[in-house]
Amino acid sequence: MADITLYTNPMSRGRIVHWLLEELGVPYDMKILDFEKREHKSPEYLKINPMGKVPAIVHRGTVVTEAAAICVYLADAYPKAGLAPALDDPQRATYLRWLFFGAGCVEPAIVDKMLHRPTVERKSALGYGSYEDAVNALEGALWPGPWILGQRFSAADIYVGALVQWGSQVKALEPRPKFVQYMERIAARPALQKTLKGA
């Protein structure tokens, strides 16, 4: 039995954590929850995540939920993989900034765009301001590249890269050249290719 158990479904944010685990190269167990059978709402799973959502991990008895939090937690738990700057590394702030910008701004902006939610008059009422603001800031985060931390690939690229891919697939993120080039680099990652094959 591995130290990590991932609770997921292939059609969920769990793919982000699955990809991260492949990048880490550590052993893990994976439990696929069947949404149609509502296994994610079973009493057993609600003890792990009271929201009844995936992904969730159990690492040596510790439960972590929320994809961005899991990315930060696991990247720190396995520093040899080099997916997170150390606490005293100046790049740590940039890493955390853009990873949580992805979770707190980019994803909600994409969801609102995808669902055609009306814009609000008071942009300050939304955590991301406006779709245009969020997308412009995201584009800036990828400059000069090739990764969010320049030459260094990190867990921030796993989280943000997954959002850029998904936003493009659902046609809620415009295909700016910076995003297209970033997705090409992301798609070339062997760990992502392995994840998508269902490994």
N, C-alpha and C. Protein backbone atom coordinates (compact mmCIF):
# COMPACT_ATOMS: atom_id res chain seq x y z
N MET A 1 0.84 -1.19 0.00
CA MET A 1 0.00 0.00 0.00
C MET A 1 0.88 1.25 0.00
N ALA A 2 0.58 2.18 -0.87
CA ALA A 2 1.37 3.42 -0.99
C ALA A 2 1.01 4.40 0.13
N ASP A 3 1.89 5.38 0.33
CA ASP A 3 1.64 6.42 1.35
C ASP A 3 0.52 7.37 0.94
N ILE A 4 0.22 7.44 -0.36
CA ILE A 4 -0.77 8.38 -0.88
C ILE A 4 -1.92 7.63 -1.53
N THR A 5 -3.13 8.00 -1.18
CA THR A 5 -4.32 7.52 -1.89
C THR A 5 -5.01 8.73 -2.49
N LEU A 6 -5.23 8.68 -3.79
CA LEU A 6 -5.94 9.74 -4.50
C LEU A 6 -7.35 9.28 -4.78
N TYR A 7 -8.32 10.08 -4.35
CA TYR A 7 -9.73 9.86 -4.66
C TYR A 7 -10.07 10.80 -5.80
N THR A 8 -10.56 10.25 -6.89
CA THR A 8 -10.71 11.07 -8.09
C THR A 8 -11.78 10.51 -9.01
N ASN A 9 -11.96 11.19 -10.10
CA ASN A 9 -12.77 10.76 -11.23
C ASN A 9 -12.10 11.38 -12.45
N PRO A 10 -11.97 10.63 -13.55
CA PRO A 10 -11.28 11.17 -14.72
C PRO A 10 -11.87 12.46 -15.27
N MET A 11 -13.16 12.71 -15.01
CA MET A 11 -13.82 13.91 -15.52
C MET A 11 -13.93 14.95 -14.41
N SER A 12 -12.81 15.24 -13.77
CA SER A 12 -12.82 16.17 -12.64
C SER A 12 -11.46 16.84 -12.51
N ARG A 13 -11.37 17.74 -11.55
CA ARG A 13 -10.10 18.38 -11.23
C ARG A 13 -9.08 17.38 -10.70
N GLY A 14 -9.55 16.19 -10.42
CA GLY A 14 -8.64 15.13 -9.97
C GLY A 14 -7.54 14.84 -10.97
N ARG A 15 -7.79 15.15 -12.24
CA ARG A 15 -6.74 14.94 -13.26
C ARG A 15 -5.52 15.81 -12.98
N ILE A 16 -5.75 16.96 -12.37
CA ILE A 16 -4.62 17.84 -12.04
C ILE A 16 -3.70 17.13 -11.04
N VAL A 17 -4.31 16.57 -9.99
CA VAL A 17 -3.53 15.89 -8.95
C VAL A 17 -2.91 14.61 -9.50
N HIS A 18 -3.64 13.91 -10.34
CA HIS A 18 -3.09 12.70 -10.97
C HIS A 18 -1.82 13.05 -11.75
N TRP A 19 -1.89 14.13 -12.52
CA TRP A 19 -0.72 14.58 -13.29
C TRP A 19 0.42 14.93 -12.33
N LEU A 20 0.11 15.67 -11.27
CA LEU A 20 1.14 16.04 -10.30
C LEU A 20 1.82 14.80 -9.73
N LEU A 21 1.05 13.79 -9.38
CA LEU A 21 1.62 12.56 -8.82
C LEU A 21 2.56 11.89 -9.82
N GLU A 22 2.19 11.92 -11.10
CA GLU A 22 3.08 11.35 -12.12
C GLU A 22 4.36 12.17 -12.25
N GLU A 23 4.26 13.49 -12.13
CA GLU A 23 5.46 14.34 -12.17
C GLU A 23 6.35 14.07 -10.96
N LEU A 24 5.74 13.82 -9.80
CA LEU A 24 6.52 13.53 -8.59
C LEU A 24 7.24 12.19 -8.70
N GLY A 25 6.63 11.25 -9.42
CA GLY A 25 7.25 9.94 -9.58
C GLY A 25 7.22 9.10 -8.31
N VAL A 26 6.22 9.32 -7.47
CA VAL A 26 6.11 8.55 -6.22
C VAL A 26 4.95 7.56 -6.35
N PRO A 27 5.02 6.45 -5.58
CA PRO A 27 3.91 5.50 -5.64
C PRO A 27 2.64 6.07 -5.02
N TYR A 28 1.52 5.70 -5.58
CA TYR A 28 0.23 6.14 -5.04
C TYR A 28 -0.83 5.12 -5.42
N ASP A 29 -1.87 5.10 -4.63
CA ASP A 29 -3.06 4.31 -4.94
C ASP A 29 -4.12 5.27 -5.44
N MET A 30 -4.94 4.81 -6.37
CA MET A 30 -5.98 5.68 -6.90
C MET A 30 -7.33 4.98 -6.77
N LYS A 31 -8.28 5.70 -6.21
CA LYS A 31 -9.64 5.20 -6.08
C LYS A 31 -10.54 6.08 -6.93
N ILE A 32 -11.10 5.47 -7.98
CA ILE A 32 -12.00 6.19 -8.88
C ILE A 32 -13.40 6.14 -8.28
N LEU A 33 -14.00 7.30 -8.08
CA LEU A 33 -15.36 7.37 -7.57
C LEU A 33 -16.32 7.54 -8.75
N ASP A 34 -17.32 6.71 -8.80
CA ASP A 34 -18.30 6.73 -9.88
C ASP A 34 -19.35 7.79 -9.56
N PHE A 35 -19.37 8.85 -10.37
CA PHE A 35 -20.33 9.93 -10.14
C PHE A 35 -21.77 9.46 -10.35
N GLU A 36 -22.00 8.61 -11.34
CA GLU A 36 -23.36 8.16 -11.61
C GLU A 36 -23.92 7.35 -10.44
N LYS A 37 -23.05 6.61 -9.78
CA LYS A 37 -23.48 5.85 -8.60
C LYS A 37 -23.43 6.71 -7.33
N ARG A 38 -23.01 7.96 -7.49
CA ARG A 38 -22.93 8.92 -6.39
C ARG A 38 -22.00 8.46 -5.27
N GLU A 39 -20.93 7.77 -5.67
CA GLU A 39 -19.96 7.31 -4.68
C GLU A 39 -19.28 8.47 -3.96
N HIS A 40 -19.23 9.62 -4.61
CA HIS A 40 -18.62 10.80 -3.99
C HIS A 40 -19.51 11.40 -2.90
N LYS A 41 -20.75 10.92 -2.81
CA LYS A 41 -21.67 11.39 -1.77
C LYS A 41 -21.96 10.29 -0.74
N SER A 42 -21.20 9.21 -0.82
CA SER A 42 -21.41 8.11 0.13
C SER A 42 -20.96 8.54 1.53
N PRO A 43 -21.53 7.96 2.57
CA PRO A 43 -21.11 8.30 3.94
C PRO A 43 -19.61 8.08 4.17
N GLU A 44 -19.05 7.04 3.54
CA GLU A 44 -17.62 6.76 3.71
C GLU A 44 -16.78 7.89 3.13
N TYR A 45 -17.13 8.33 1.91
CA TYR A 45 -16.33 9.39 1.29
C TYR A 45 -16.57 10.75 1.96
N LEU A 46 -17.78 11.01 2.43
CA LEU A 46 -18.06 12.28 3.09
C LEU A 46 -17.25 12.44 4.38
N LYS A 47 -16.76 11.35 4.93
CA LYS A 47 -15.85 11.44 6.09
C LYS A 47 -14.49 12.00 5.64
N ILE A 48 -14.14 11.76 4.39
CA ILE A 48 -12.88 12.28 3.85
C ILE A 48 -13.07 13.71 3.38
N ASN A 49 -14.10 13.94 2.59
CA ASN A 49 -14.40 15.30 2.13
C ASN A 49 -15.88 15.58 2.32
N PRO A 50 -16.25 16.34 3.34
CA PRO A 50 -17.66 16.63 3.61
C PRO A 50 -18.38 17.32 2.44
N MET A 51 -17.63 17.94 1.52
CA MET A 51 -18.23 18.54 0.33
C MET A 51 -18.66 17.49 -0.69
N GLY A 52 -18.12 16.28 -0.54
CA GLY A 52 -18.45 15.24 -1.50
C GLY A 52 -17.91 15.51 -2.88
N LYS A 53 -16.73 16.15 -2.93
CA LYS A 53 -16.12 16.50 -4.21
C LYS A 53 -14.75 15.84 -4.30
N VAL A 54 -14.28 15.71 -5.53
CA VAL A 54 -12.92 15.22 -5.76
C VAL A 54 -12.15 16.33 -6.46
N PRO A 55 -10.83 16.33 -6.29
CA PRO A 55 -10.00 15.30 -5.68
C PRO A 55 -9.86 15.47 -4.17
N ALA A 56 -9.40 14.40 -3.57
CA ALA A 56 -8.95 14.40 -2.19
C ALA A 56 -7.81 13.41 -2.12
N ILE A 57 -6.90 13.65 -1.21
CA ILE A 57 -5.85 12.66 -0.97
C ILE A 57 -5.82 12.34 0.51
N VAL A 58 -5.33 11.15 0.80
CA VAL A 58 -4.97 10.78 2.16
C VAL A 58 -3.50 10.42 2.08
N HIS A 59 -2.68 11.17 2.80
CA HIS A 59 -1.23 10.98 2.80
C HIS A 59 -0.79 10.66 4.23
N ARG A 60 -0.42 9.39 4.45
CA ARG A 60 0.01 8.95 5.78
C ARG A 60 -1.00 9.36 6.85
N GLY A 61 -2.28 9.21 6.55
CA GLY A 61 -3.33 9.50 7.51
C GLY A 61 -3.84 10.93 7.49
N THR A 62 -3.20 11.81 6.74
CA THR A 62 -3.62 13.21 6.65
C THR A 62 -4.47 13.41 5.41
N VAL A 63 -5.64 14.03 5.58
CA VAL A 63 -6.53 14.30 4.46
C VAL A 63 -6.27 15.71 3.95
N VAL A 64 -6.17 15.83 2.63
CA VAL A 64 -6.05 17.15 1.99
C VAL A 64 -7.06 17.17 0.84
N THR A 65 -7.85 18.25 0.79
CA THR A 65 -8.80 18.44 -0.31
C THR A 65 -8.46 19.76 -1.01
N GLU A 66 -9.13 20.02 -2.09
CA GLU A 66 -8.94 21.20 -2.95
C GLU A 66 -7.66 21.02 -3.78
N ALA A 67 -7.83 21.01 -5.09
CA ALA A 67 -6.73 20.69 -6.00
C ALA A 67 -5.50 21.57 -5.80
N ALA A 68 -5.68 22.87 -5.65
CA ALA A 68 -4.53 23.76 -5.47
C ALA A 68 -3.80 23.45 -4.16
N ALA A 69 -4.56 23.22 -3.10
CA ALA A 69 -3.95 22.89 -1.81
C ALA A 69 -3.19 21.57 -1.89
N ILE A 70 -3.77 20.60 -2.58
CA ILE A 70 -3.09 19.31 -2.74
C ILE A 70 -1.79 19.48 -3.51
N CYS A 71 -1.81 20.30 -4.55
CA CYS A 71 -0.58 20.56 -5.32
C CYS A 71 0.52 21.13 -4.44
N VAL A 72 0.18 22.14 -3.65
CA VAL A 72 1.18 22.77 -2.77
C VAL A 72 1.67 21.76 -1.74
N TYR A 73 0.74 21.05 -1.12
CA TYR A 73 1.07 20.09 -0.07
C TYR A 73 2.02 19.01 -0.60
N LEU A 74 1.68 18.38 -1.71
CA LEU A 74 2.49 17.27 -2.22
C LEU A 74 3.83 17.75 -2.77
N ALA A 75 3.84 18.89 -3.44
CA ALA A 75 5.12 19.42 -3.95
C ALA A 75 6.08 19.70 -2.80
N ASP A 76 5.55 20.16 -1.66
CA ASP A 76 6.39 20.39 -0.48
C ASP A 76 6.76 19.08 0.21
N ALA A 77 5.86 18.11 0.19
CA ALA A 77 6.11 16.83 0.86
C ALA A 77 7.18 16.01 0.15
N TYR A 78 7.37 16.26 -1.14
CA TYR A 78 8.35 15.51 -1.93
C TYR A 78 9.30 16.48 -2.64
N PRO A 79 10.15 17.15 -1.86
CA PRO A 79 11.01 18.21 -2.43
C PRO A 79 12.02 17.73 -3.46
N LYS A 80 12.39 16.45 -3.43
CA LYS A 80 13.38 15.95 -4.39
C LYS A 80 12.90 16.09 -5.83
N ALA A 81 11.60 16.13 -6.03
CA ALA A 81 11.05 16.27 -7.39
C ALA A 81 11.27 17.67 -7.94
N GLY A 82 11.52 18.64 -7.07
CA GLY A 82 11.81 20.01 -7.51
C GLY A 82 10.62 20.77 -8.06
N LEU A 83 9.41 20.41 -7.65
CA LEU A 83 8.22 21.07 -8.18
C LEU A 83 7.78 22.29 -7.38
N ALA A 84 8.49 22.58 -6.29
CA ALA A 84 8.15 23.76 -5.49
C ALA A 84 9.42 24.43 -5.00
N PRO A 85 9.51 25.75 -5.12
CA PRO A 85 10.66 26.44 -4.53
C PRO A 85 10.62 26.27 -3.01
N ALA A 86 11.79 26.19 -2.41
CA ALA A 86 11.88 26.07 -0.96
C ALA A 86 11.33 27.33 -0.29
N LEU A 87 11.02 27.22 0.99
CA LEU A 87 10.44 28.35 1.72
C LEU A 87 11.31 29.59 1.67
N ASP A 88 12.63 29.42 1.62
CA ASP A 88 13.53 30.58 1.61
C ASP A 88 13.98 30.98 0.20
N ASP A 89 13.40 30.35 -0.81
CA ASP A 89 13.73 30.68 -2.20
C ASP A 89 12.91 31.91 -2.61
N PRO A 90 13.54 32.95 -3.18
CA PRO A 90 12.80 34.13 -3.62
C PRO A 90 11.67 33.83 -4.61
N GLN A 91 11.79 32.72 -5.35
CA GLN A 91 10.74 32.37 -6.32
C GLN A 91 9.49 31.79 -5.65
N ARG A 92 9.58 31.49 -4.35
CA ARG A 92 8.44 30.90 -3.65
C ARG A 92 7.20 31.81 -3.73
N ALA A 93 7.40 33.10 -3.59
CA ALA A 93 6.27 34.03 -3.62
C ALA A 93 5.59 34.02 -4.99
N THR A 94 6.38 34.05 -6.05
CA THR A 94 5.82 34.03 -7.40
C THR A 94 5.07 32.72 -7.65
N TYR A 95 5.65 31.63 -7.20
CA TYR A 95 5.04 30.30 -7.33
C TYR A 95 3.66 30.27 -6.67
N LEU A 96 3.60 30.71 -5.41
CA LEU A 96 2.32 30.70 -4.69
C LEU A 96 1.33 31.69 -5.29
N ARG A 97 1.85 32.84 -5.68
CA ARG A 97 0.98 33.87 -6.25
C ARG A 97 0.20 33.36 -7.44
N TRP A 98 0.89 32.77 -8.40
CA TRP A 98 0.22 32.39 -9.63
C TRP A 98 -0.55 31.08 -9.49
N LEU A 99 -0.10 30.19 -8.62
CA LEU A 99 -0.87 28.98 -8.39
C LEU A 99 -2.24 29.33 -7.81
N PHE A 100 -2.25 30.20 -6.80
CA PHE A 100 -3.52 30.57 -6.20
C PHE A 100 -4.30 31.58 -7.04
N PHE A 101 -3.64 32.32 -7.89
CA PHE A 101 -4.35 33.15 -8.86
C PHE A 101 -5.14 32.24 -9.81
N GLY A 102 -4.54 31.13 -10.18
CA GLY A 102 -5.25 30.16 -11.01
C GLY A 102 -6.53 29.68 -10.34
N ALA A 103 -6.40 29.31 -9.06
CA ALA A 103 -7.55 28.78 -8.32
C ALA A 103 -8.58 29.85 -8.00
N GLY A 104 -8.12 31.04 -7.61
CA GLY A 104 -9.04 32.06 -7.13
C GLY A 104 -9.56 33.01 -8.17
N CYS A 105 -8.86 33.13 -9.29
CA CYS A 105 -9.27 34.10 -10.32
C CYS A 105 -9.51 33.47 -11.69
N VAL A 106 -8.54 32.73 -12.19
CA VAL A 106 -8.66 32.19 -13.55
C VAL A 106 -9.81 31.21 -13.65
N GLU A 107 -9.86 30.24 -12.74
CA GLU A 107 -10.93 29.25 -12.83
C GLU A 107 -12.32 29.87 -12.71
N PRO A 108 -12.59 30.73 -11.72
CA PRO A 108 -13.93 31.34 -11.68
C PRO A 108 -14.25 32.19 -12.91
N ALA A 109 -13.25 32.88 -13.45
CA ALA A 109 -13.49 33.69 -14.65
C ALA A 109 -13.86 32.80 -15.83
N ILE A 110 -13.16 31.68 -15.98
CA ILE A 110 -13.45 30.75 -17.07
C ILE A 110 -14.84 30.14 -16.90
N VAL A 111 -15.16 29.75 -15.67
CA VAL A 111 -16.48 29.15 -15.41
C VAL A 111 -17.59 30.15 -15.73
N ASP A 112 -17.44 31.39 -15.29
CA ASP A 112 -18.45 32.40 -15.59
C ASP A 112 -18.61 32.60 -17.10
N LYS A 113 -17.50 32.64 -17.80
CA LYS A 113 -17.54 32.81 -19.26
C LYS A 113 -18.21 31.60 -19.91
N MET A 114 -17.84 30.40 -19.48
CA MET A 114 -18.39 29.17 -20.05
C MET A 114 -19.90 29.08 -19.83
N LEU A 115 -20.35 29.50 -18.66
CA LEU A 115 -21.77 29.42 -18.33
C LEU A 115 -22.56 30.66 -18.76
N HIS A 116 -21.87 31.60 -19.43
CA HIS A 116 -22.50 32.83 -19.92
C HIS A 116 -23.18 33.61 -18.80
N ARG A 117 -22.53 33.62 -17.64
CA ARG A 117 -23.09 34.39 -16.53
C ARG A 117 -22.95 35.88 -16.84
N PRO A 118 -23.96 36.65 -16.52
CA PRO A 118 -23.88 38.08 -16.82
C PRO A 118 -22.79 38.75 -15.99
N THR A 119 -22.19 39.77 -16.56
CA THR A 119 -21.17 40.52 -15.84
C THR A 119 -21.86 41.41 -14.80
N VAL A 120 -21.13 41.73 -13.77
CA VAL A 120 -21.70 42.58 -12.72
C VAL A 120 -21.19 44.00 -12.89
N GLU A 121 -21.98 44.95 -12.45
CA GLU A 121 -21.56 46.35 -12.57
C GLU A 121 -20.36 46.64 -11.69
N ARG A 122 -20.38 46.11 -10.48
CA ARG A 122 -19.28 46.36 -9.55
C ARG A 122 -18.26 45.24 -9.66
N LYS A 123 -17.25 45.45 -10.50
CA LYS A 123 -16.23 44.43 -10.70
C LYS A 123 -15.53 44.08 -9.39
N SER A 124 -15.47 45.03 -8.49
CA SER A 124 -14.79 44.78 -7.21
C SER A 124 -15.52 43.73 -6.38
N ALA A 125 -16.78 43.43 -6.73
CA ALA A 125 -17.53 42.41 -6.00
C ALA A 125 -17.06 41.01 -6.36
N LEU A 126 -16.39 40.87 -7.50
CA LEU A 126 -15.85 39.58 -7.92
C LEU A 126 -14.38 39.50 -7.55
N GLY A 127 -13.97 38.34 -7.07
CA GLY A 127 -12.57 38.16 -6.68
C GLY A 127 -11.61 38.36 -7.83
N TYR A 128 -12.07 38.08 -9.04
CA TYR A 128 -11.17 38.21 -10.20
C TYR A 128 -11.38 39.51 -10.96
N GLY A 129 -12.25 40.37 -10.52
CA GLY A 129 -12.47 41.66 -11.19
C GLY A 129 -13.32 41.50 -12.43
N SER A 130 -12.68 41.18 -13.54
CA SER A 130 -13.38 40.91 -14.79
C SER A 130 -12.64 39.80 -15.53
N TYR A 131 -13.35 39.18 -16.44
CA TYR A 131 -12.74 38.13 -17.26
C TYR A 131 -11.50 38.69 -17.97
N GLU A 132 -11.63 39.87 -18.55
CA GLU A 132 -10.52 40.47 -19.29
C GLU A 132 -9.32 40.71 -18.38
N ASP A 133 -9.57 41.22 -17.17
CA ASP A 133 -8.47 41.45 -16.23
C ASP A 133 -7.76 40.14 -15.90
N ALA A 134 -8.54 39.10 -15.62
CA ALA A 134 -7.96 37.81 -15.24
C ALA A 134 -7.14 37.21 -16.38
N VAL A 135 -7.67 37.27 -17.59
CA VAL A 135 -6.98 36.68 -18.73
C VAL A 135 -5.72 37.48 -19.07
N ASN A 136 -5.80 38.79 -19.00
CA ASN A 136 -4.61 39.61 -19.25
C ASN A 136 -3.52 39.34 -18.22
N ALA A 137 -3.92 39.21 -16.95
CA ALA A 137 -2.93 38.91 -15.90
C ALA A 137 -2.31 37.54 -16.11
N LEU A 138 -3.14 36.57 -16.50
CA LEU A 138 -2.63 35.23 -16.77
C LEU A 138 -1.61 35.25 -17.90
N GLU A 139 -1.92 35.99 -18.94
CA GLU A 139 -0.98 36.10 -20.06
C GLU A 139 0.34 36.70 -19.58
N GLY A 140 0.26 37.69 -18.72
CA GLY A 140 1.48 38.30 -18.17
C GLY A 140 2.29 37.33 -17.33
N ALA A 141 1.61 36.41 -16.64
CA ALA A 141 2.31 35.42 -15.80
C ALA A 141 3.16 34.48 -16.64
N LEU A 142 2.79 34.33 -17.90
CA LEU A 142 3.52 33.40 -18.78
C LEU A 142 4.65 34.08 -19.54
N TRP A 143 4.91 35.33 -19.21
CA TRP A 143 5.98 36.07 -19.88
C TRP A 143 7.17 36.20 -18.95
N PRO A 144 8.40 35.96 -19.34
CA PRO A 144 8.82 35.59 -20.69
C PRO A 144 8.76 34.09 -20.94
N GLY A 145 8.50 33.27 -19.91
CA GLY A 145 8.38 31.84 -20.10
C GLY A 145 9.74 31.16 -20.09
N PRO A 146 9.82 29.92 -20.44
CA PRO A 146 8.71 29.11 -20.96
C PRO A 146 7.70 28.69 -19.88
N TRP A 147 8.09 28.82 -18.59
CA TRP A 147 7.22 28.41 -17.49
C TRP A 147 6.91 29.61 -16.61
N ILE A 148 6.04 29.44 -15.66
CA ILE A 148 5.67 30.53 -14.77
C ILE A 148 6.89 31.05 -14.01
N LEU A 149 7.79 30.16 -13.64
CA LEU A 149 9.02 30.56 -12.94
C LEU A 149 10.19 30.69 -13.90
N GLY A 150 9.91 31.04 -15.14
CA GLY A 150 10.99 31.20 -16.13
C GLY A 150 11.41 29.83 -16.65
N GLN A 151 12.66 29.45 -16.40
CA GLN A 151 13.19 28.17 -16.91
C GLN A 151 12.77 26.99 -16.05
N ARG A 152 12.17 27.24 -14.91
CA ARG A 152 11.85 26.17 -13.97
C ARG A 152 10.38 25.77 -14.03
N PHE A 153 10.12 24.51 -14.36
CA PHE A 153 8.77 23.94 -14.31
C PHE A 153 8.42 23.67 -12.86
N SER A 154 7.17 23.96 -12.48
CA SER A 154 6.76 23.76 -11.09
C SER A 154 5.31 23.30 -11.01
N ALA A 155 4.86 23.02 -9.79
CA ALA A 155 3.46 22.64 -9.56
C ALA A 155 2.52 23.76 -9.98
N ALA A 156 3.00 25.00 -10.00
CA ALA A 156 2.15 26.10 -10.49
C ALA A 156 1.80 25.89 -11.96
N ASP A 157 2.74 25.35 -12.72
CA ASP A 157 2.47 25.07 -14.14
C ASP A 157 1.49 23.91 -14.30
N ILE A 158 1.54 22.97 -13.38
CA ILE A 158 0.58 21.86 -13.44
C ILE A 158 -0.83 22.40 -13.24
N TYR A 159 -1.00 23.22 -12.20
CA TYR A 159 -2.33 23.73 -11.91
C TYR A 159 -2.80 24.72 -12.99
N VAL A 160 -1.99 25.71 -13.27
CA VAL A 160 -2.37 26.73 -14.26
C VAL A 160 -2.44 26.12 -15.66
N GLY A 161 -1.51 25.24 -15.97
CA GLY A 161 -1.53 24.60 -17.29
C GLY A 161 -2.79 23.80 -17.52
N ALA A 162 -3.24 23.09 -16.49
CA ALA A 162 -4.48 22.32 -16.61
C ALA A 162 -5.67 23.25 -16.85
N LEU A 163 -5.66 24.41 -16.18
CA LEU A 163 -6.75 25.37 -16.38
C LEU A 163 -6.74 25.95 -17.80
N VAL A 164 -5.55 26.25 -18.30
CA VAL A 164 -5.45 26.80 -19.66
C VAL A 164 -5.94 25.77 -20.67
N GLN A 165 -5.53 24.51 -20.48
CA GLN A 165 -6.01 23.46 -21.39
C GLN A 165 -7.53 23.32 -21.34
N TRP A 166 -8.05 23.25 -20.11
CA TRP A 166 -9.49 23.06 -19.95
C TRP A 166 -10.26 24.27 -20.49
N GLY A 167 -9.81 25.48 -20.16
CA GLY A 167 -10.48 26.69 -20.65
C GLY A 167 -10.51 26.74 -22.16
N SER A 168 -9.44 26.28 -22.79
CA SER A 168 -9.40 26.24 -24.26
C SER A 168 -10.35 25.19 -24.81
N GLN A 169 -10.40 24.03 -24.15
CA GLN A 169 -11.28 22.95 -24.61
C GLN A 169 -12.75 23.35 -24.58
N VAL A 170 -13.14 24.09 -23.53
CA VAL A 170 -14.55 24.48 -23.41
C VAL A 170 -14.83 25.82 -24.09
N LYS A 171 -13.83 26.32 -24.82
CA LYS A 171 -13.97 27.57 -25.60
C LYS A 171 -14.27 28.78 -24.72
N ALA A 172 -13.78 28.75 -23.49
CA ALA A 172 -13.99 29.89 -22.59
C ALA A 172 -12.71 30.65 -22.33
N LEU A 173 -11.64 30.24 -22.99
CA LEU A 173 -10.37 30.97 -22.92
C LEU A 173 -9.91 31.20 -24.34
N GLU A 174 -9.77 32.46 -24.68
CA GLU A 174 -9.41 32.79 -26.06
C GLU A 174 -8.02 32.24 -26.40
N PRO A 175 -7.83 31.80 -27.65
CA PRO A 175 -6.57 31.16 -28.03
C PRO A 175 -5.45 32.16 -28.35
N ARG A 176 -5.06 32.92 -27.36
CA ARG A 176 -3.95 33.85 -27.57
C ARG A 176 -2.67 33.05 -27.82
N PRO A 177 -1.75 33.60 -28.63
CA PRO A 177 -0.52 32.86 -28.95
C PRO A 177 0.23 32.37 -27.71
N LYS A 178 0.30 33.18 -26.66
CA LYS A 178 1.00 32.79 -25.45
C LYS A 178 0.38 31.55 -24.83
N PHE A 179 -0.96 31.47 -24.85
CA PHE A 179 -1.65 30.32 -24.28
C PHE A 179 -1.44 29.07 -25.15
N VAL A 180 -1.50 29.24 -26.46
CA VAL A 180 -1.31 28.12 -27.37
C VAL A 180 0.09 27.54 -27.21
N GLN A 181 1.10 28.41 -27.15
CA GLN A 181 2.48 27.94 -26.99
C GLN A 181 2.67 27.23 -25.64
N TYR A 182 2.07 27.78 -24.62
CA TYR A 182 2.15 27.18 -23.28
C TYR A 182 1.50 25.79 -23.28
N MET A 183 0.34 25.67 -23.92
CA MET A 183 -0.33 24.37 -23.99
C MET A 183 0.51 23.36 -24.76
N GLU A 184 1.21 23.80 -25.77
CA GLU A 184 2.08 22.88 -26.52
C GLU A 184 3.20 22.35 -25.63
N ARG A 185 3.77 23.21 -24.82
CA ARG A 185 4.83 22.78 -23.89
C ARG A 185 4.26 21.84 -22.83
N ILE A 186 3.08 22.18 -22.34
CA ILE A 186 2.42 21.35 -21.33
C ILE A 186 2.13 19.96 -21.92
N ALA A 187 1.58 19.92 -23.12
CA ALA A 187 1.19 18.65 -23.76
C ALA A 187 2.38 17.73 -23.99
N ALA A 188 3.58 18.31 -24.09
CA ALA A 188 4.78 17.52 -24.34
C ALA A 188 5.33 16.85 -23.07
N ARG A 189 4.79 17.19 -21.91
CA ARG A 189 5.27 16.60 -20.65
C ARG A 189 4.94 15.10 -20.62
N PRO A 190 5.95 14.23 -20.48
CA PRO A 190 5.68 12.78 -20.43
C PRO A 190 4.72 12.39 -19.31
N ALA A 191 4.80 13.06 -18.16
CA ALA A 191 3.91 12.72 -17.05
C ALA A 191 2.46 13.02 -17.39
N LEU A 192 2.21 14.10 -18.12
CA LEU A 192 0.84 14.41 -18.52
C LEU A 192 0.35 13.40 -19.55
N GLN A 193 1.22 13.05 -20.49
CA GLN A 193 0.83 12.06 -21.49
C GLN A 193 0.47 10.74 -20.83
N LYS A 194 1.23 10.35 -19.82
CA LYS A 194 0.94 9.12 -19.08
C LYS A 194 -0.40 9.23 -18.34
N THR A 195 -0.66 10.38 -17.76
CA THR A 195 -1.91 10.61 -17.04
C THR A 195 -3.09 10.49 -17.99
N LEU A 196 -2.98 11.10 -19.15
CA LEU A 196 -4.09 11.10 -20.10
C LEU A 196 -4.36 9.71 -20.68
N LYS A 197 -3.34 8.86 -20.65
CA LYS A 197 -3.54 7.49 -21.12
C LYS A 197 -4.18 6.62 -20.05
N GLY A 198 -4.41 7.22 -18.87
CA GLY A 198 -5.08 6.49 -17.80
C GLY A 198 -4.15 5.64 -16.97
N ALA A 199 -2.86 5.99 -17.01
CA ALA A 199 -1.89 5.19 -16.23
C ALA A 199 -2.12 5.34 -14.75
